[in-house]
N, C-alpha and C. Protein backbone atom coordinates (compact mmCIF):
# COMPACT_ATOMS: atom_id res chain seq x y z
N MET A 1 63.20 299.67 -20.43
CA MET A 1 63.07 300.69 -21.45
C MET A 1 61.93 300.29 -22.38
N ASP A 2 61.14 301.24 -22.74
CA ASP A 2 59.97 301.04 -23.58
C ASP A 2 60.39 300.72 -25.01
N LEU A 3 59.69 299.79 -25.66
CA LEU A 3 59.99 299.42 -27.04
C LEU A 3 59.79 300.59 -27.99
N CYS A 4 58.84 301.44 -27.68
CA CYS A 4 58.61 302.65 -28.47
C CYS A 4 59.86 303.53 -28.47
N PHE A 5 60.41 303.76 -27.29
CA PHE A 5 61.60 304.61 -27.17
C PHE A 5 62.80 303.98 -27.87
N ILE A 6 62.93 302.67 -27.80
CA ILE A 6 64.05 301.98 -28.46
C ILE A 6 63.95 302.16 -29.98
N CYS A 7 62.75 302.02 -30.52
CA CYS A 7 62.56 302.23 -31.96
C CYS A 7 62.86 303.67 -32.35
N LEU A 8 62.43 304.63 -31.54
CA LEU A 8 62.68 306.04 -31.83
C LEU A 8 64.17 306.35 -31.75
N LEU A 9 64.85 305.79 -30.78
CA LEU A 9 66.29 306.00 -30.65
C LEU A 9 67.04 305.39 -31.83
N ALA A 10 66.68 304.17 -32.21
CA ALA A 10 67.32 303.52 -33.36
C ALA A 10 67.03 304.28 -34.65
N CYS A 11 65.82 304.77 -34.79
CA CYS A 11 65.45 305.57 -35.96
C CYS A 11 66.30 306.84 -36.01
N SER A 12 66.45 307.51 -34.91
CA SER A 12 67.25 308.73 -34.86
C SER A 12 68.70 308.48 -35.19
N ILE A 13 69.22 307.36 -34.72
CA ILE A 13 70.61 307.01 -35.02
C ILE A 13 70.76 306.73 -36.53
N CYS A 14 69.82 306.00 -37.10
CA CYS A 14 69.87 305.74 -38.54
C CYS A 14 69.79 307.03 -39.34
N TRP A 15 68.91 307.93 -38.94
CA TRP A 15 68.78 309.20 -39.67
C TRP A 15 69.98 310.11 -39.44
N THR A 16 70.77 309.85 -38.42
CA THR A 16 72.01 310.60 -38.22
C THR A 16 73.13 310.03 -39.08
N ILE A 17 73.18 308.72 -39.20
CA ILE A 17 74.26 308.07 -39.96
C ILE A 17 74.06 308.21 -41.46
N SER A 18 72.84 308.20 -41.92
CA SER A 18 72.55 308.22 -43.35
C SER A 18 73.21 309.39 -44.10
N PRO A 19 73.13 310.63 -43.62
CA PRO A 19 73.78 311.72 -44.34
C PRO A 19 75.31 311.62 -44.40
N ILE A 20 75.89 310.92 -43.45
CA ILE A 20 77.35 310.74 -43.46
C ILE A 20 77.75 309.91 -44.68
N PHE A 21 77.02 308.82 -44.92
CA PHE A 21 77.30 308.00 -46.09
C PHE A 21 76.98 308.75 -47.38
N ASN A 22 75.89 309.51 -47.37
CA ASN A 22 75.54 310.26 -48.58
C ASN A 22 76.58 311.32 -48.91
N SER A 23 77.17 311.95 -47.91
CA SER A 23 78.20 312.95 -48.18
C SER A 23 79.47 312.27 -48.69
N ARG A 24 79.74 311.07 -48.21
CA ARG A 24 80.89 310.32 -48.73
C ARG A 24 80.68 309.96 -50.20
N ALA A 25 79.44 309.66 -50.56
CA ALA A 25 79.15 309.35 -51.97
C ALA A 25 79.46 310.56 -52.84
N GLY A 26 79.15 311.75 -52.36
CA GLY A 26 79.46 312.96 -53.11
C GLY A 26 80.96 313.17 -53.27
N LYS A 27 81.70 312.87 -52.23
CA LYS A 27 83.17 313.00 -52.32
C LYS A 27 83.74 311.99 -53.30
N TYR A 28 83.22 310.77 -53.28
CA TYR A 28 83.69 309.76 -54.23
C TYR A 28 83.35 310.16 -55.66
N TYR A 29 82.21 310.81 -55.85
CA TYR A 29 81.83 311.26 -57.20
C TYR A 29 82.82 312.31 -57.71
N GLU A 30 83.21 313.23 -56.85
CA GLU A 30 84.18 314.25 -57.24
C GLU A 30 85.53 313.63 -57.60
N GLU A 31 85.87 312.53 -56.92
CA GLU A 31 87.13 311.84 -57.19
C GLU A 31 87.01 310.84 -58.35
N LYS A 32 85.82 310.73 -58.92
CA LYS A 32 85.51 309.79 -60.00
C LYS A 32 85.74 308.33 -59.59
N ASP A 33 85.50 308.05 -58.33
CA ASP A 33 85.57 306.68 -57.80
C ASP A 33 84.13 306.17 -57.72
N TYR A 34 83.63 305.70 -58.86
CA TYR A 34 82.20 305.39 -58.97
C TYR A 34 81.79 304.13 -58.21
N THR A 35 82.68 303.19 -58.03
CA THR A 35 82.34 301.98 -57.29
C THR A 35 82.06 302.31 -55.82
N ASN A 36 82.97 303.05 -55.20
CA ASN A 36 82.75 303.44 -53.81
C ASN A 36 81.60 304.43 -53.68
N MET A 37 81.40 305.26 -54.71
CA MET A 37 80.27 306.20 -54.70
C MET A 37 78.95 305.43 -54.64
N LEU A 38 78.84 304.42 -55.50
CA LEU A 38 77.62 303.62 -55.53
C LEU A 38 77.40 302.89 -54.21
N GLU A 39 78.47 302.34 -53.67
CA GLU A 39 78.39 301.62 -52.39
C GLU A 39 77.96 302.55 -51.26
N ALA A 40 78.57 303.73 -51.17
CA ALA A 40 78.22 304.69 -50.12
C ALA A 40 76.79 305.20 -50.30
N GLY A 41 76.39 305.45 -51.54
CA GLY A 41 75.04 305.93 -51.81
C GLY A 41 73.99 304.90 -51.43
N ILE A 42 74.22 303.66 -51.80
CA ILE A 42 73.27 302.59 -51.46
C ILE A 42 73.23 302.38 -49.95
N THR A 43 74.38 302.44 -49.30
CA THR A 43 74.42 302.28 -47.84
C THR A 43 73.66 303.41 -47.16
N GLY A 44 73.90 304.65 -47.59
CA GLY A 44 73.19 305.79 -47.01
C GLY A 44 71.70 305.71 -47.21
N PHE A 45 71.28 305.32 -48.42
CA PHE A 45 69.86 305.17 -48.70
C PHE A 45 69.25 304.06 -47.85
N SER A 46 69.96 302.94 -47.74
CA SER A 46 69.44 301.80 -46.97
C SER A 46 69.31 302.12 -45.49
N VAL A 47 70.31 302.79 -44.94
CA VAL A 47 70.25 303.17 -43.52
C VAL A 47 69.10 304.16 -43.29
N GLY A 48 68.91 305.08 -44.22
CA GLY A 48 67.79 306.01 -44.11
C GLY A 48 66.44 305.31 -44.18
N MET A 49 66.34 304.30 -45.05
CA MET A 49 65.09 303.54 -45.16
C MET A 49 64.83 302.72 -43.89
N ILE A 50 65.89 302.16 -43.32
CA ILE A 50 65.72 301.43 -42.06
C ILE A 50 65.20 302.38 -40.98
N GLY A 51 65.73 303.60 -40.95
CA GLY A 51 65.24 304.60 -40.01
C GLY A 51 63.77 304.92 -40.24
N THR A 52 63.38 305.01 -41.50
CA THR A 52 61.97 305.29 -41.82
C THR A 52 61.07 304.14 -41.38
N ILE A 53 61.51 302.91 -41.62
CA ILE A 53 60.73 301.74 -41.19
C ILE A 53 60.61 301.72 -39.67
N LEU A 54 61.70 302.02 -38.98
CA LEU A 54 61.64 302.07 -37.51
C LEU A 54 60.70 303.17 -37.03
N PHE A 55 60.66 304.29 -37.74
CA PHE A 55 59.74 305.37 -37.37
C PHE A 55 58.30 304.91 -37.54
N ILE A 56 58.01 304.22 -38.63
CA ILE A 56 56.65 303.73 -38.85
C ILE A 56 56.26 302.73 -37.76
N ILE A 57 57.18 301.86 -37.38
CA ILE A 57 56.91 300.90 -36.30
C ILE A 57 56.69 301.65 -34.99
N ALA A 58 57.52 302.66 -34.74
CA ALA A 58 57.40 303.42 -33.48
C ALA A 58 56.08 304.16 -33.39
N THR A 59 55.59 304.68 -34.52
CA THR A 59 54.31 305.41 -34.47
C THR A 59 53.16 304.48 -34.11
N SER A 60 53.29 303.21 -34.44
CA SER A 60 52.23 302.28 -34.05
C SER A 60 52.39 301.82 -32.60
N LEU A 61 53.63 301.88 -32.08
CA LEU A 61 53.87 301.43 -30.70
C LEU A 61 53.67 302.54 -29.67
N CYS A 62 53.93 303.78 -30.05
CA CYS A 62 53.89 304.88 -29.09
C CYS A 62 52.45 305.32 -28.83
N ASP A 63 52.26 305.87 -27.65
CA ASP A 63 50.94 306.35 -27.27
C ASP A 63 50.59 307.64 -28.01
N SER A 64 51.60 308.44 -28.30
CA SER A 64 51.37 309.75 -28.89
C SER A 64 52.24 309.94 -30.12
N LEU A 65 51.65 310.38 -31.20
CA LEU A 65 52.41 310.67 -32.41
C LEU A 65 53.31 311.87 -32.20
N SER A 66 52.85 312.83 -31.40
CA SER A 66 53.69 314.02 -31.16
C SER A 66 54.99 313.65 -30.44
N THR A 67 54.95 312.65 -29.56
CA THR A 67 56.17 312.19 -28.91
C THR A 67 57.13 311.61 -29.93
N SER A 68 56.61 310.81 -30.85
CA SER A 68 57.45 310.22 -31.89
C SER A 68 58.11 311.29 -32.73
N VAL A 69 57.35 312.28 -33.12
CA VAL A 69 57.87 313.34 -33.99
C VAL A 69 58.91 314.17 -33.25
N VAL A 70 58.65 314.48 -32.01
CA VAL A 70 59.59 315.29 -31.24
C VAL A 70 60.93 314.57 -31.07
N TYR A 71 60.89 313.31 -30.71
CA TYR A 71 62.13 312.56 -30.52
C TYR A 71 62.91 312.42 -31.82
N THR A 72 62.20 312.10 -32.91
CA THR A 72 62.91 311.89 -34.17
C THR A 72 63.30 313.20 -34.83
N TYR A 73 62.81 314.30 -34.35
CA TYR A 73 63.26 315.60 -34.84
C TYR A 73 64.44 316.11 -34.02
N ALA A 74 64.37 315.93 -32.72
CA ALA A 74 65.39 316.51 -31.83
C ALA A 74 66.64 315.64 -31.70
N LEU A 75 66.48 314.35 -31.57
CA LEU A 75 67.64 313.50 -31.35
C LEU A 75 68.64 313.51 -32.52
N PRO A 76 68.20 313.49 -33.78
CA PRO A 76 69.20 313.59 -34.85
C PRO A 76 69.99 314.90 -34.83
N ILE A 77 69.38 315.97 -34.37
CA ILE A 77 70.12 317.24 -34.24
C ILE A 77 71.25 317.08 -33.24
N ILE A 78 70.94 316.47 -32.11
CA ILE A 78 71.95 316.27 -31.07
C ILE A 78 73.02 315.30 -31.56
N PHE A 79 72.60 314.18 -32.14
CA PHE A 79 73.56 313.17 -32.60
C PHE A 79 74.44 313.71 -33.73
N THR A 80 73.85 314.50 -34.63
CA THR A 80 74.63 315.06 -35.74
C THR A 80 75.65 316.06 -35.23
N THR A 81 75.28 316.84 -34.23
CA THR A 81 76.23 317.78 -33.64
C THR A 81 77.40 317.04 -33.01
N ILE A 82 77.10 315.98 -32.29
CA ILE A 82 78.16 315.19 -31.66
C ILE A 82 79.03 314.52 -32.73
N ALA A 83 78.41 313.98 -33.77
CA ALA A 83 79.17 313.34 -34.84
C ALA A 83 80.06 314.34 -35.56
N SER A 84 79.58 315.58 -35.75
CA SER A 84 80.39 316.58 -36.43
C SER A 84 81.63 316.95 -35.63
N ILE A 85 81.52 316.87 -34.31
CA ILE A 85 82.68 317.16 -33.47
C ILE A 85 83.73 316.05 -33.65
N PHE A 86 83.29 314.79 -33.60
CA PHE A 86 84.24 313.69 -33.65
C PHE A 86 84.72 313.38 -35.07
N LEU A 87 83.84 313.45 -36.06
CA LEU A 87 84.23 313.08 -37.41
C LEU A 87 84.92 314.20 -38.18
N TYR A 88 84.44 315.43 -38.00
CA TYR A 88 84.93 316.54 -38.81
C TYR A 88 85.69 317.58 -38.02
N GLY A 89 85.77 317.41 -36.71
CA GLY A 89 86.52 318.33 -35.87
C GLY A 89 85.93 319.73 -35.79
N GLU A 90 84.63 319.84 -35.92
CA GLU A 90 83.99 321.14 -35.85
C GLU A 90 84.00 321.67 -34.42
N VAL A 91 84.10 322.98 -34.33
CA VAL A 91 84.04 323.64 -33.04
C VAL A 91 82.62 324.18 -32.87
N ILE A 92 82.00 323.80 -31.79
CA ILE A 92 80.61 324.18 -31.53
C ILE A 92 80.60 325.38 -30.59
N SER A 93 79.82 326.40 -30.96
CA SER A 93 79.77 327.63 -30.17
C SER A 93 78.90 327.45 -28.93
N ILE A 94 78.99 328.43 -28.06
CA ILE A 94 78.18 328.43 -26.84
C ILE A 94 76.70 328.49 -27.18
N LYS A 95 76.34 329.26 -28.21
CA LYS A 95 74.93 329.34 -28.61
C LYS A 95 74.40 327.97 -29.02
N THR A 96 75.21 327.22 -29.76
CA THR A 96 74.78 325.89 -30.19
C THR A 96 74.61 324.96 -28.99
N TRP A 97 75.56 324.99 -28.07
CA TRP A 97 75.43 324.16 -26.87
C TRP A 97 74.20 324.54 -26.06
N PHE A 98 73.91 325.85 -26.00
CA PHE A 98 72.72 326.31 -25.29
C PHE A 98 71.46 325.79 -25.99
N GLY A 99 71.47 325.81 -27.32
CA GLY A 99 70.34 325.28 -28.08
C GLY A 99 70.14 323.79 -27.83
N ILE A 100 71.23 323.06 -27.78
CA ILE A 100 71.15 321.62 -27.50
C ILE A 100 70.61 321.39 -26.09
N PHE A 101 71.04 322.22 -25.16
CA PHE A 101 70.53 322.14 -23.79
C PHE A 101 69.02 322.38 -23.77
N LEU A 102 68.55 323.36 -24.52
CA LEU A 102 67.11 323.62 -24.58
C LEU A 102 66.35 322.46 -25.21
N ILE A 103 66.93 321.84 -26.23
CA ILE A 103 66.30 320.68 -26.84
C ILE A 103 66.16 319.55 -25.82
N LEU A 104 67.23 319.30 -25.08
CA LEU A 104 67.18 318.25 -24.06
C LEU A 104 66.16 318.56 -22.98
N CYS A 105 66.07 319.82 -22.59
CA CYS A 105 65.06 320.22 -21.59
C CYS A 105 63.67 320.00 -22.15
N GLY A 106 63.48 320.33 -23.40
CA GLY A 106 62.17 320.11 -24.05
C GLY A 106 61.81 318.64 -24.13
N LEU A 107 62.78 317.78 -24.40
CA LEU A 107 62.52 316.35 -24.42
C LEU A 107 62.15 315.84 -23.03
N TYR A 108 62.79 316.40 -22.02
CA TYR A 108 62.50 315.97 -20.65
C TYR A 108 61.08 316.37 -20.23
N VAL A 109 60.64 317.53 -20.68
CA VAL A 109 59.30 318.01 -20.33
C VAL A 109 58.22 317.12 -20.93
N ILE A 110 58.47 316.62 -22.13
CA ILE A 110 57.47 315.78 -22.80
C ILE A 110 57.43 314.47 -22.08
């Protein structure tokens, strides 16, 4: 596996996880649990920054910047959809699954 792809995959995973922690920080704020709010906020920010650093590294390793942008744009959409099913029990419609299928086909073409 190419080091460029590994960095892009890790970046996408970080950018998928970051909003989960940030949303938890919002819930803790509503509950006035400021210690956990601060912890979740810092964790979400840190994971997002790690994703950004990995993206910068990937852009220097990859042959094409457009490949980097496409992967880091499309993969978080797929990962977030999957996370929403497992974490929040969301029901995904046929249109959404079709859209995810098109995204995967587009990634394969590149």
